[in-house]
Amino acid sequence: MAKNETTGILAQETAELLKEIILKHNGYGRRDAIMAVLNDVQAKLGYLPYEAQRYIAVEMDIPLAEIFGIVTFYSGFSLNPVGKYKIAVCMGTACYVKDAHKILAKIEQKCGIKAGETSEDGLFTIVATRCIGACGLAPVITINENVYGKLHLEDVDKVLEKYK
């Protein structure tokens, strides 16, 4: 695929944004810049759509399959738009044995969606994650950058109310 074909289905302003991000990280010809580029693109777009991955692959001369592999491997990246509030429920061993699965079920019930989904109003996205490294606070959830630990089922309503 020729470089002039990379903007095929991307809006011109999105293509310009991607180009700016790649330049910011001096990403042309530098494979080690891919994580920084992907992080910045996700921060700007809210997710990493196929078209953006394709553009980055061509511009940075990295196989699309490699970029897709990175995006699907790391839980911080998303292939779909996420809600204003991303609720991550840790399902690591310490959290799971302290009933994180019950907390997840209650959050799903309160938000009306399952893990991996975004609410119709675009307010919430729920994800079940691997260990987030806060085992001493088990069970733990994060909502965007906020961490809530040592949760009990009765805490869920109070925590979610802050974001409605």
N, C-alpha and C. Protein backbone atom coordinates (compact mmCIF):
# COMPACT_ATOMS: atom_id res chain seq x y z
N MET A 1 0.84 -1.17 0.00
CA MET A 1 0.00 0.00 0.00
C MET A 1 0.89 1.24 0.00
N ALA A 2 0.64 2.14 -0.88
CA ALA A 2 1.42 3.37 -0.99
C ALA A 2 1.01 4.34 0.12
N LYS A 3 1.95 5.18 0.53
CA LYS A 3 1.66 6.13 1.60
C LYS A 3 0.51 7.06 1.25
N ASN A 4 0.34 7.41 0.00
CA ASN A 4 -0.74 8.33 -0.35
C ASN A 4 -2.11 7.67 -0.24
N GLU A 5 -2.16 6.36 0.02
CA GLU A 5 -3.43 5.66 0.19
C GLU A 5 -3.83 5.56 1.66
N THR A 6 -2.99 6.04 2.57
CA THR A 6 -3.25 5.82 3.99
C THR A 6 -4.40 6.64 4.54
N THR A 7 -4.79 7.71 3.90
CA THR A 7 -5.87 8.55 4.42
C THR A 7 -7.21 8.17 3.82
N GLY A 8 -7.28 7.07 3.07
CA GLY A 8 -8.49 6.63 2.39
C GLY A 8 -9.79 6.88 3.12
N ILE A 9 -10.00 6.29 4.29
CA ILE A 9 -11.27 6.46 4.97
C ILE A 9 -11.12 7.24 6.27
N LEU A 10 -9.97 7.84 6.51
CA LEU A 10 -9.79 8.71 7.66
C LEU A 10 -10.18 10.13 7.28
N ALA A 11 -10.83 10.81 8.19
CA ALA A 11 -11.10 12.23 7.97
C ALA A 11 -9.75 12.93 7.89
N GLN A 12 -9.67 13.96 7.07
CA GLN A 12 -8.41 14.68 6.88
C GLN A 12 -7.87 15.20 8.21
N GLU A 13 -8.75 15.71 9.08
CA GLU A 13 -8.28 16.24 10.35
C GLU A 13 -7.72 15.13 11.24
N THR A 14 -8.27 13.93 11.16
CA THR A 14 -7.75 12.80 11.93
C THR A 14 -6.39 12.39 11.39
N ALA A 15 -6.25 12.34 10.08
CA ALA A 15 -4.96 12.01 9.47
C ALA A 15 -3.90 13.03 9.88
N GLU A 16 -4.27 14.30 9.91
CA GLU A 16 -3.33 15.34 10.32
C GLU A 16 -2.94 15.18 11.78
N LEU A 17 -3.90 14.83 12.63
CA LEU A 17 -3.63 14.60 14.04
C LEU A 17 -2.65 13.44 14.20
N LEU A 18 -2.89 12.34 13.48
CA LEU A 18 -2.01 11.18 13.57
C LEU A 18 -0.60 11.53 13.11
N LYS A 19 -0.52 12.26 12.03
CA LYS A 19 0.79 12.67 11.50
C LYS A 19 1.53 13.53 12.54
N GLU A 20 0.80 14.44 13.17
CA GLU A 20 1.39 15.31 14.19
C GLU A 20 1.92 14.49 15.38
N ILE A 21 1.15 13.49 15.80
CA ILE A 21 1.58 12.65 16.92
C ILE A 21 2.82 11.84 16.55
N ILE A 22 2.83 11.29 15.36
CA ILE A 22 4.00 10.53 14.91
C ILE A 22 5.23 11.42 14.87
N LEU A 23 5.07 12.62 14.33
CA LEU A 23 6.19 13.58 14.29
C LEU A 23 6.66 13.96 15.69
N LYS A 24 5.72 14.18 16.59
CA LYS A 24 6.05 14.55 17.97
C LYS A 24 7.00 13.54 18.59
N HIS A 25 6.79 12.27 18.29
CA HIS A 25 7.62 11.22 18.86
C HIS A 25 8.75 10.79 17.92
N ASN A 26 8.95 11.59 16.88
CA ASN A 26 9.98 11.28 15.89
C ASN A 26 9.82 9.82 15.44
N GLY A 27 8.56 9.46 15.21
CA GLY A 27 8.21 8.07 14.97
C GLY A 27 8.50 7.52 13.60
N TYR A 28 8.87 8.36 12.65
CA TYR A 28 9.17 7.85 11.32
C TYR A 28 10.49 7.09 11.37
N GLY A 29 10.41 5.78 11.11
CA GLY A 29 11.60 4.95 11.11
C GLY A 29 12.04 4.51 12.50
N ARG A 30 11.24 4.80 13.54
CA ARG A 30 11.61 4.42 14.91
C ARG A 30 10.54 3.52 15.49
N ARG A 31 10.79 2.25 15.49
CA ARG A 31 9.83 1.28 16.02
C ARG A 31 9.63 1.47 17.53
N ASP A 32 10.65 1.96 18.22
CA ASP A 32 10.55 2.11 19.67
C ASP A 32 9.59 3.23 20.08
N ALA A 33 9.09 4.00 19.14
CA ALA A 33 8.16 5.08 19.45
C ALA A 33 6.70 4.62 19.41
N ILE A 34 6.45 3.37 19.04
CA ILE A 34 5.08 2.92 18.80
C ILE A 34 4.19 3.02 20.03
N MET A 35 4.68 2.68 21.20
CA MET A 35 3.84 2.75 22.40
C MET A 35 3.45 4.19 22.71
N ALA A 36 4.39 5.10 22.61
CA ALA A 36 4.09 6.51 22.86
C ALA A 36 3.08 7.04 21.84
N VAL A 37 3.24 6.65 20.59
CA VAL A 37 2.31 7.07 19.54
C VAL A 37 0.91 6.52 19.82
N LEU A 38 0.82 5.23 20.09
CA LEU A 38 -0.49 4.62 20.36
C LEU A 38 -1.16 5.23 21.59
N ASN A 39 -0.38 5.48 22.64
CA ASN A 39 -0.94 6.11 23.84
C ASN A 39 -1.50 7.49 23.53
N ASP A 40 -0.76 8.29 22.78
CA ASP A 40 -1.23 9.63 22.45
C ASP A 40 -2.45 9.60 21.54
N VAL A 41 -2.46 8.69 20.59
CA VAL A 41 -3.62 8.58 19.69
C VAL A 41 -4.85 8.18 20.50
N GLN A 42 -4.71 7.21 21.38
CA GLN A 42 -5.85 6.81 22.19
C GLN A 42 -6.32 7.97 23.07
N ALA A 43 -5.39 8.73 23.63
CA ALA A 43 -5.76 9.87 24.48
C ALA A 43 -6.56 10.90 23.68
N LYS A 44 -6.22 11.09 22.42
CA LYS A 44 -6.90 12.09 21.59
C LYS A 44 -8.22 11.57 21.02
N LEU A 45 -8.24 10.31 20.56
CA LEU A 45 -9.44 9.77 19.90
C LEU A 45 -10.36 9.02 20.87
N GLY A 46 -9.80 8.59 21.99
CA GLY A 46 -10.58 7.83 22.95
C GLY A 46 -10.51 6.33 22.73
N TYR A 47 -9.99 5.92 21.59
CA TYR A 47 -9.81 4.51 21.25
C TYR A 47 -8.91 4.45 20.02
N LEU A 48 -8.60 3.22 19.58
CA LEU A 48 -7.69 3.04 18.43
C LEU A 48 -8.43 2.31 17.30
N PRO A 49 -9.16 3.06 16.49
CA PRO A 49 -9.90 2.42 15.40
C PRO A 49 -8.96 1.81 14.36
N TYR A 50 -9.48 0.83 13.62
CA TYR A 50 -8.70 0.15 12.60
C TYR A 50 -8.04 1.14 11.64
N GLU A 51 -8.78 2.13 11.20
CA GLU A 51 -8.25 3.08 10.22
C GLU A 51 -7.03 3.82 10.76
N ALA A 52 -7.06 4.17 12.04
CA ALA A 52 -5.92 4.85 12.66
C ALA A 52 -4.72 3.89 12.75
N GLN A 53 -4.99 2.64 13.12
CA GLN A 53 -3.91 1.66 13.20
C GLN A 53 -3.27 1.47 11.83
N ARG A 54 -4.10 1.41 10.81
CA ARG A 54 -3.61 1.23 9.44
C ARG A 54 -2.73 2.41 9.02
N TYR A 55 -3.19 3.61 9.32
CA TYR A 55 -2.42 4.81 8.99
C TYR A 55 -1.06 4.78 9.69
N ILE A 56 -1.07 4.49 10.99
CA ILE A 56 0.17 4.43 11.76
C ILE A 56 1.11 3.36 11.20
N ALA A 57 0.55 2.20 10.86
CA ALA A 57 1.36 1.11 10.32
C ALA A 57 2.10 1.54 9.06
N VAL A 58 1.37 2.16 8.16
CA VAL A 58 1.99 2.59 6.90
C VAL A 58 3.01 3.69 7.14
N GLU A 59 2.63 4.68 7.91
CA GLU A 59 3.52 5.83 8.12
C GLU A 59 4.78 5.48 8.91
N MET A 60 4.65 4.55 9.86
CA MET A 60 5.80 4.18 10.68
C MET A 60 6.52 2.95 10.15
N ASP A 61 6.02 2.39 9.05
CA ASP A 61 6.61 1.21 8.43
C ASP A 61 6.69 0.04 9.41
N ILE A 62 5.56 -0.21 10.07
CA ILE A 62 5.42 -1.31 11.01
C ILE A 62 4.23 -2.14 10.52
N PRO A 63 4.36 -3.46 10.45
CA PRO A 63 3.24 -4.27 9.98
C PRO A 63 1.98 -4.02 10.82
N LEU A 64 0.84 -3.91 10.14
CA LEU A 64 -0.44 -3.69 10.81
C LEU A 64 -0.70 -4.80 11.83
N ALA A 65 -0.34 -6.02 11.51
CA ALA A 65 -0.55 -7.14 12.44
C ALA A 65 0.21 -6.92 13.75
N GLU A 66 1.38 -6.33 13.67
CA GLU A 66 2.16 -6.05 14.88
C GLU A 66 1.48 -4.98 15.72
N ILE A 67 0.98 -3.95 15.09
CA ILE A 67 0.27 -2.89 15.81
C ILE A 67 -1.00 -3.45 16.44
N PHE A 68 -1.75 -4.24 15.67
CA PHE A 68 -2.97 -4.85 16.20
C PHE A 68 -2.64 -5.75 17.39
N GLY A 69 -1.54 -6.46 17.31
CA GLY A 69 -1.11 -7.32 18.41
C GLY A 69 -0.83 -6.52 19.68
N ILE A 70 -0.20 -5.38 19.53
CA ILE A 70 0.08 -4.52 20.68
C ILE A 70 -1.22 -3.99 21.27
N VAL A 71 -2.10 -3.50 20.40
CA VAL A 71 -3.36 -2.90 20.84
C VAL A 71 -4.25 -3.92 21.56
N THR A 72 -4.25 -5.15 21.09
CA THR A 72 -5.10 -6.17 21.72
C THR A 72 -4.43 -6.82 22.92
N PHE A 73 -3.12 -6.72 23.04
CA PHE A 73 -2.42 -7.32 24.18
C PHE A 73 -2.56 -6.47 25.44
N TYR A 74 -2.39 -5.17 25.31
CA TYR A 74 -2.41 -4.28 26.47
C TYR A 74 -3.83 -3.82 26.78
N SER A 75 -4.26 -4.04 28.02
CA SER A 75 -5.64 -3.72 28.39
C SER A 75 -5.92 -2.22 28.40
N GLY A 76 -4.91 -1.41 28.40
CA GLY A 76 -5.11 0.04 28.38
C GLY A 76 -5.57 0.57 27.04
N PHE A 77 -5.43 -0.23 26.01
CA PHE A 77 -5.87 0.18 24.68
C PHE A 77 -7.26 -0.37 24.40
N SER A 78 -8.01 0.35 23.58
CA SER A 78 -9.36 -0.09 23.24
C SER A 78 -9.57 0.02 21.73
N LEU A 79 -10.25 -0.98 21.19
CA LEU A 79 -10.60 -0.99 19.76
C LEU A 79 -11.93 -0.28 19.50
N ASN A 80 -12.67 -0.02 20.56
CA ASN A 80 -13.98 0.59 20.44
C ASN A 80 -14.05 1.83 21.30
N PRO A 81 -14.94 2.75 20.95
CA PRO A 81 -15.09 3.95 21.79
C PRO A 81 -15.44 3.56 23.22
N VAL A 82 -14.88 4.28 24.16
CA VAL A 82 -15.17 4.01 25.57
C VAL A 82 -15.99 5.15 26.15
N GLY A 83 -16.67 4.84 27.24
CA GLY A 83 -17.49 5.83 27.90
C GLY A 83 -16.66 6.92 28.56
N LYS A 84 -17.36 7.93 29.00
CA LYS A 84 -16.71 9.04 29.71
C LYS A 84 -15.98 8.50 30.94
N TYR A 85 -16.59 7.50 31.58
CA TYR A 85 -16.00 6.89 32.76
C TYR A 85 -15.72 5.42 32.49
N LYS A 86 -14.46 5.07 32.54
CA LYS A 86 -14.05 3.68 32.32
C LYS A 86 -13.88 3.02 33.68
N ILE A 87 -14.76 2.07 33.97
CA ILE A 87 -14.72 1.36 35.25
C ILE A 87 -13.97 0.05 35.04
N ALA A 88 -12.82 -0.05 35.67
CA ALA A 88 -12.01 -1.27 35.57
C ALA A 88 -12.09 -2.02 36.89
N VAL A 89 -12.55 -3.25 36.83
CA VAL A 89 -12.67 -4.09 38.02
C VAL A 89 -11.54 -5.10 37.98
N CYS A 90 -10.67 -5.03 38.98
CA CYS A 90 -9.55 -5.96 39.05
C CYS A 90 -10.07 -7.36 39.36
N MET A 91 -9.66 -8.31 38.53
CA MET A 91 -10.05 -9.70 38.73
C MET A 91 -8.84 -10.57 39.04
N GLY A 92 -7.75 -9.93 39.48
CA GLY A 92 -6.57 -10.67 39.90
C GLY A 92 -6.91 -11.56 41.09
N THR A 93 -6.02 -12.45 41.43
CA THR A 93 -6.29 -13.45 42.47
C THR A 93 -6.71 -12.82 43.79
N ALA A 94 -5.96 -11.85 44.29
CA ALA A 94 -6.29 -11.23 45.58
C ALA A 94 -7.67 -10.60 45.56
N CYS A 95 -8.00 -9.92 44.48
CA CYS A 95 -9.31 -9.27 44.37
C CYS A 95 -10.41 -10.31 44.19
N TYR A 96 -10.14 -11.31 43.37
CA TYR A 96 -11.17 -12.31 43.10
C TYR A 96 -11.58 -13.06 44.37
N VAL A 97 -10.61 -13.46 45.17
CA VAL A 97 -10.95 -14.20 46.39
C VAL A 97 -11.65 -13.31 47.42
N LYS A 98 -11.58 -12.01 47.22
CA LYS A 98 -12.30 -11.08 48.11
C LYS A 98 -13.56 -10.55 47.41
N ASP A 99 -14.13 -11.37 46.54
CA ASP A 99 -15.44 -11.14 45.93
C ASP A 99 -15.49 -10.05 44.85
N ALA A 100 -14.40 -9.83 44.13
CA ALA A 100 -14.43 -8.87 43.03
C ALA A 100 -15.47 -9.27 41.98
N HIS A 101 -15.67 -10.57 41.79
CA HIS A 101 -16.66 -11.02 40.80
C HIS A 101 -18.07 -10.59 41.21
N LYS A 102 -18.35 -10.52 42.49
CA LYS A 102 -19.65 -10.04 42.95
C LYS A 102 -19.78 -8.53 42.77
N ILE A 103 -18.68 -7.83 42.99
CA ILE A 103 -18.67 -6.37 42.77
C ILE A 103 -18.87 -6.08 41.30
N LEU A 104 -18.18 -6.84 40.43
CA LEU A 104 -18.37 -6.68 38.99
C LEU A 104 -19.83 -6.90 38.62
N ALA A 105 -20.45 -7.95 39.13
CA ALA A 105 -21.85 -8.24 38.80
C ALA A 105 -22.76 -7.10 39.24
N LYS A 106 -22.49 -6.52 40.40
CA LYS A 106 -23.33 -5.41 40.87
C LYS A 106 -23.13 -4.17 40.00
N ILE A 107 -21.90 -3.89 39.61
CA ILE A 107 -21.64 -2.73 38.74
C ILE A 107 -22.34 -2.94 37.40
N GLU A 108 -22.25 -4.15 36.86
CA GLU A 108 -22.94 -4.45 35.60
C GLU A 108 -24.44 -4.22 35.75
N GLN A 109 -25.01 -4.69 36.84
CA GLN A 109 -26.45 -4.53 37.08
C GLN A 109 -26.83 -3.06 37.21
N LYS A 110 -26.03 -2.28 37.95
CA LYS A 110 -26.33 -0.86 38.16
C LYS A 110 -26.19 -0.04 36.87
N CYS A 111 -25.22 -0.42 36.04
CA CYS A 111 -24.99 0.33 34.79
C CYS A 111 -25.82 -0.22 33.62
N GLY A 112 -26.37 -1.40 33.77
CA GLY A 112 -27.18 -2.00 32.72
C GLY A 112 -26.39 -2.52 31.54
N ILE A 113 -25.12 -2.80 31.76
CA ILE A 113 -24.24 -3.34 30.70
C ILE A 113 -23.34 -4.40 31.30
N LYS A 114 -22.72 -5.18 30.43
CA LYS A 114 -21.76 -6.22 30.84
C LYS A 114 -20.34 -5.71 30.65
N ALA A 115 -19.39 -6.40 31.27
CA ALA A 115 -17.98 -6.09 31.07
C ALA A 115 -17.67 -6.16 29.58
N GLY A 116 -16.93 -5.18 29.10
CA GLY A 116 -16.59 -5.10 27.68
C GLY A 116 -17.57 -4.23 26.89
N GLU A 117 -18.59 -3.70 27.55
CA GLU A 117 -19.60 -2.89 26.87
C GLU A 117 -19.56 -1.44 27.37
N THR A 118 -20.17 -0.58 26.55
CA THR A 118 -20.32 0.83 26.88
C THR A 118 -21.80 1.15 26.93
N SER A 119 -22.20 1.91 27.92
CA SER A 119 -23.62 2.26 28.06
C SER A 119 -24.08 3.10 26.87
N GLU A 120 -25.36 2.99 26.54
CA GLU A 120 -25.91 3.72 25.38
C GLU A 120 -25.71 5.22 25.48
N ASP A 121 -25.74 5.75 26.70
CA ASP A 121 -25.57 7.19 26.88
C ASP A 121 -24.10 7.61 26.80
N GLY A 122 -23.18 6.65 26.63
CA GLY A 122 -21.75 6.95 26.51
C GLY A 122 -21.10 7.33 27.83
N LEU A 123 -21.80 7.09 28.93
CA LEU A 123 -21.27 7.49 30.23
C LEU A 123 -20.29 6.47 30.81
N PHE A 124 -20.62 5.18 30.73
CA PHE A 124 -19.80 4.15 31.37
C PHE A 124 -19.33 3.07 30.40
N THR A 125 -18.11 2.63 30.62
CA THR A 125 -17.57 1.42 30.01
C THR A 125 -17.06 0.58 31.16
N ILE A 126 -17.39 -0.70 31.15
CA ILE A 126 -16.91 -1.60 32.20
C ILE A 126 -15.91 -2.58 31.59
N VAL A 127 -14.79 -2.76 32.27
CA VAL A 127 -13.82 -3.76 31.85
C VAL A 127 -13.38 -4.58 33.05
N ALA A 128 -13.24 -5.86 32.84
CA ALA A 128 -12.66 -6.74 33.85
C ALA A 128 -11.18 -6.85 33.51
N THR A 129 -10.33 -6.49 34.45
CA THR A 129 -8.90 -6.45 34.16
C THR A 129 -8.14 -7.51 34.95
N ARG A 130 -6.93 -7.74 34.53
CA ARG A 130 -6.02 -8.59 35.29
C ARG A 130 -5.55 -7.76 36.49
N CYS A 131 -4.65 -8.28 37.24
CA CYS A 131 -4.12 -7.60 38.43
C CYS A 131 -3.64 -6.19 38.09
N ILE A 132 -4.06 -5.22 38.89
CA ILE A 132 -3.61 -3.85 38.67
C ILE A 132 -2.49 -3.46 39.63
N GLY A 133 -2.06 -4.41 40.46
CA GLY A 133 -0.92 -4.17 41.34
C GLY A 133 -1.26 -3.46 42.64
N ALA A 134 -2.50 -3.52 43.06
CA ALA A 134 -2.91 -2.90 44.33
C ALA A 134 -3.51 -3.97 45.23
N CYS A 135 -2.83 -5.09 45.33
CA CYS A 135 -3.36 -6.26 46.04
C CYS A 135 -3.68 -5.97 47.50
N GLY A 136 -2.95 -5.07 48.12
CA GLY A 136 -3.20 -4.72 49.51
C GLY A 136 -4.52 -3.99 49.70
N LEU A 137 -5.10 -3.50 48.61
CA LEU A 137 -6.38 -2.80 48.66
C LEU A 137 -7.53 -3.66 48.16
N ALA A 138 -7.28 -4.94 47.94
CA ALA A 138 -8.28 -5.82 47.34
C ALA A 138 -9.58 -5.83 48.15
N PRO A 139 -10.69 -5.91 47.44
CA PRO A 139 -10.88 -5.79 45.99
C PRO A 139 -10.84 -4.33 45.54
N VAL A 140 -10.35 -4.12 44.32
CA VAL A 140 -10.09 -2.78 43.81
C VAL A 140 -10.81 -2.56 42.49
N ILE A 141 -11.34 -1.34 42.33
CA ILE A 141 -11.79 -0.88 41.01
C ILE A 141 -11.14 0.47 40.75
N THR A 142 -11.02 0.81 39.49
CA THR A 142 -10.62 2.16 39.13
C THR A 142 -11.71 2.74 38.25
N ILE A 143 -11.92 4.02 38.40
CA ILE A 143 -12.81 4.75 37.49
C ILE A 143 -11.96 5.89 36.97
N ASN A 144 -11.61 5.76 35.69
CA ASN A 144 -10.61 6.63 35.08
C ASN A 144 -9.35 6.57 35.94
N GLU A 145 -8.92 7.66 36.52
CA GLU A 145 -7.68 7.67 37.30
C GLU A 145 -7.91 7.48 38.80
N ASN A 146 -9.16 7.35 39.22
CA ASN A 146 -9.48 7.22 40.64
C ASN A 146 -9.50 5.75 41.06
N VAL A 147 -8.87 5.47 42.21
CA VAL A 147 -8.77 4.10 42.71
C VAL A 147 -9.67 3.97 43.94
N TYR A 148 -10.46 2.88 43.95
CA TYR A 148 -11.33 2.58 45.08
C TYR A 148 -10.98 1.17 45.57
N GLY A 149 -10.48 1.10 46.78
CA GLY A 149 -10.04 -0.18 47.31
C GLY A 149 -10.80 -0.61 48.55
N LYS A 150 -10.56 -1.88 48.92
CA LYS A 150 -11.22 -2.50 50.07
C LYS A 150 -12.74 -2.33 49.98
N LEU A 151 -13.25 -2.53 48.76
CA LEU A 151 -14.68 -2.34 48.51
C LEU A 151 -15.52 -3.47 49.07
N HIS A 152 -16.73 -3.11 49.41
CA HIS A 152 -17.76 -4.06 49.78
C HIS A 152 -18.94 -3.82 48.84
N LEU A 153 -19.81 -4.79 48.70
CA LEU A 153 -20.96 -4.65 47.80
C LEU A 153 -21.75 -3.38 48.10
N GLU A 154 -21.90 -3.05 49.35
CA GLU A 154 -22.69 -1.87 49.71
C GLU A 154 -22.00 -0.56 49.34
N ASP A 155 -20.70 -0.59 48.99
CA ASP A 155 -19.98 0.62 48.58
C ASP A 155 -20.26 0.99 47.12
N VAL A 156 -20.68 0.04 46.32
CA VAL A 156 -20.80 0.25 44.88
C VAL A 156 -21.76 1.39 44.55
N ASP A 157 -22.93 1.42 45.17
CA ASP A 157 -23.90 2.49 44.88
C ASP A 157 -23.32 3.85 45.14
N LYS A 158 -22.66 4.02 46.28
CA LYS A 158 -22.08 5.30 46.67
C LYS A 158 -20.99 5.74 45.68
N VAL A 159 -20.15 4.81 45.28
CA VAL A 159 -19.06 5.14 44.35
C VAL A 159 -19.64 5.55 42.99
N LEU A 160 -20.57 4.77 42.47
CA LEU A 160 -21.14 5.08 41.15
C LEU A 160 -21.92 6.39 41.15
N GLU A 161 -22.55 6.71 42.26
CA GLU A 161 -23.35 7.95 42.34
C GLU A 161 -22.51 9.18 42.04
N LYS A 162 -21.22 9.14 42.38
CA LYS A 162 -20.32 10.27 42.13
C LYS A 162 -20.19 10.58 40.63
N TYR A 163 -20.48 9.60 39.79
CA TYR A 163 -20.23 9.74 38.35
C TYR A 163 -21.50 9.87 37.52
N LYS A 164 -22.65 9.92 38.14
CA LYS A 164 -23.90 10.03 37.38
C LYS A 164 -24.29 11.46 37.15
